[in-house]
């Protein structure tokens, strides 16, 4: 394995890990904010849950793009 291939593999692994960590932090922040919002205004629970789910789906989509790019780099290097 050449040094360039090793660096590309390491970059793909680090990129996939960062994508997963970023998604975890984002979903945690959404959950915390939604919990606080619902506890302060229980009557707005439906609107808060809808906004929370939409934001969570968008964050998961970005994380999925990061993982797909990392997988493409892995297959391109081999």
Protein backbone atom coordinates (compact mmCIF):
# COMPACT_ATOMS: atom_id res chain seq x y z
CA UNK A 1 0.00 0.00 0.00
CA UNK A 2 1.36 3.38 -0.97
CA UNK A 3 1.58 6.24 1.46
CA UNK A 4 -1.08 8.18 -0.47
CA UNK A 5 -3.52 5.28 -0.21
CA UNK A 6 -2.91 4.99 3.51
CA UNK A 7 -3.56 8.68 4.02
CA UNK A 8 -6.74 8.48 1.94
CA UNK A 9 -7.99 5.54 3.98
CA UNK A 10 -7.18 7.33 7.22
CA UNK A 11 -8.95 10.45 5.98
CA UNK A 12 -12.04 8.44 5.04
CA UNK A 13 -12.18 6.81 8.46
CA UNK A 14 -11.71 10.12 10.26
CA UNK A 15 -14.34 11.73 8.04
CA UNK A 16 -16.87 8.99 8.75
CA UNK A 17 -16.18 9.25 12.47
CA UNK A 18 -16.60 13.02 12.48
CA UNK A 19 -19.86 12.71 10.56
CA UNK A 20 -21.26 10.29 13.13
CA UNK A 21 -20.09 12.42 16.06
CA UNK A 22 -21.57 15.54 14.49
CA UNK A 23 -24.92 13.84 13.97
CA UNK A 24 -24.92 12.63 17.57
CA UNK A 25 -24.23 16.11 18.92
CA UNK A 26 -26.87 17.64 16.65
CA UNK A 27 -29.58 15.15 17.63
CA UNK A 28 -28.67 15.61 21.30
CA UNK A 29 -29.05 19.37 21.01
CA UNK A 30 -32.41 18.99 19.28
CA UNK A 31 -33.66 16.61 21.96
CA UNK A 32 -32.50 18.91 24.75
CA UNK A 33 -34.13 21.94 23.16
CA UNK A 34 -37.38 20.12 22.49
CA UNK A 35 -37.53 18.78 26.03
CA UNK A 36 -36.95 22.24 27.47
CA UNK A 37 -39.51 23.78 25.14
CA UNK A 38 -42.18 21.20 25.95
CA UNK A 39 -41.54 21.56 29.67
CA UNK A 40 -42.02 25.34 29.42
CA UNK A 41 -45.02 25.24 27.09
CA UNK A 42 -46.77 21.86 27.17
CA UNK A 43 -49.58 23.16 24.96
CA UNK A 44 -47.09 23.65 22.08
CA UNK A 45 -45.93 20.03 22.19
CA UNK A 46 -47.25 19.14 18.71
CA UNK A 47 -45.52 22.05 16.99
CA UNK A 48 -42.28 21.46 18.87
CA UNK A 49 -42.26 17.74 18.02
CA UNK A 50 -42.89 18.47 14.35
CA UNK A 51 -40.04 20.98 14.19
CA UNK A 52 -37.80 18.58 16.12
CA UNK A 53 -38.46 15.71 13.72
CA UNK A 54 -37.85 17.84 10.63
CA UNK A 55 -34.55 19.11 12.05
CA UNK A 56 -33.51 15.59 13.07
CA UNK A 57 -34.19 14.26 9.57
CA UNK A 58 -32.14 17.05 8.00
CA UNK A 59 -29.23 16.37 10.36
CA UNK A 60 -29.39 12.64 9.65
CA UNK A 61 -29.34 13.41 5.92
CA UNK A 62 -26.17 15.46 6.25
CA UNK A 63 -24.57 12.68 8.30
CA UNK A 64 -25.53 10.15 5.65
CA UNK A 65 -23.89 12.27 2.96
CA UNK A 66 -20.71 12.34 5.03
CA UNK A 67 -20.71 8.56 5.39
CA UNK A 68 -21.40 8.03 1.67
CA UNK A 69 -18.50 10.28 0.73
CA UNK A 70 -16.21 8.38 3.12
CA UNK A 71 -17.32 5.05 1.61
CA UNK A 72 -16.72 6.38 -1.90
CA UNK A 73 -13.19 7.39 -0.91
CA UNK A 74 -12.58 3.91 0.52
CA UNK A 75 -13.66 2.20 -2.70
CA UNK A 76 -11.80 4.67 -4.88
CA UNK A 77 -8.52 4.01 -3.06
CA UNK A 78 -8.66 0.21 -3.27
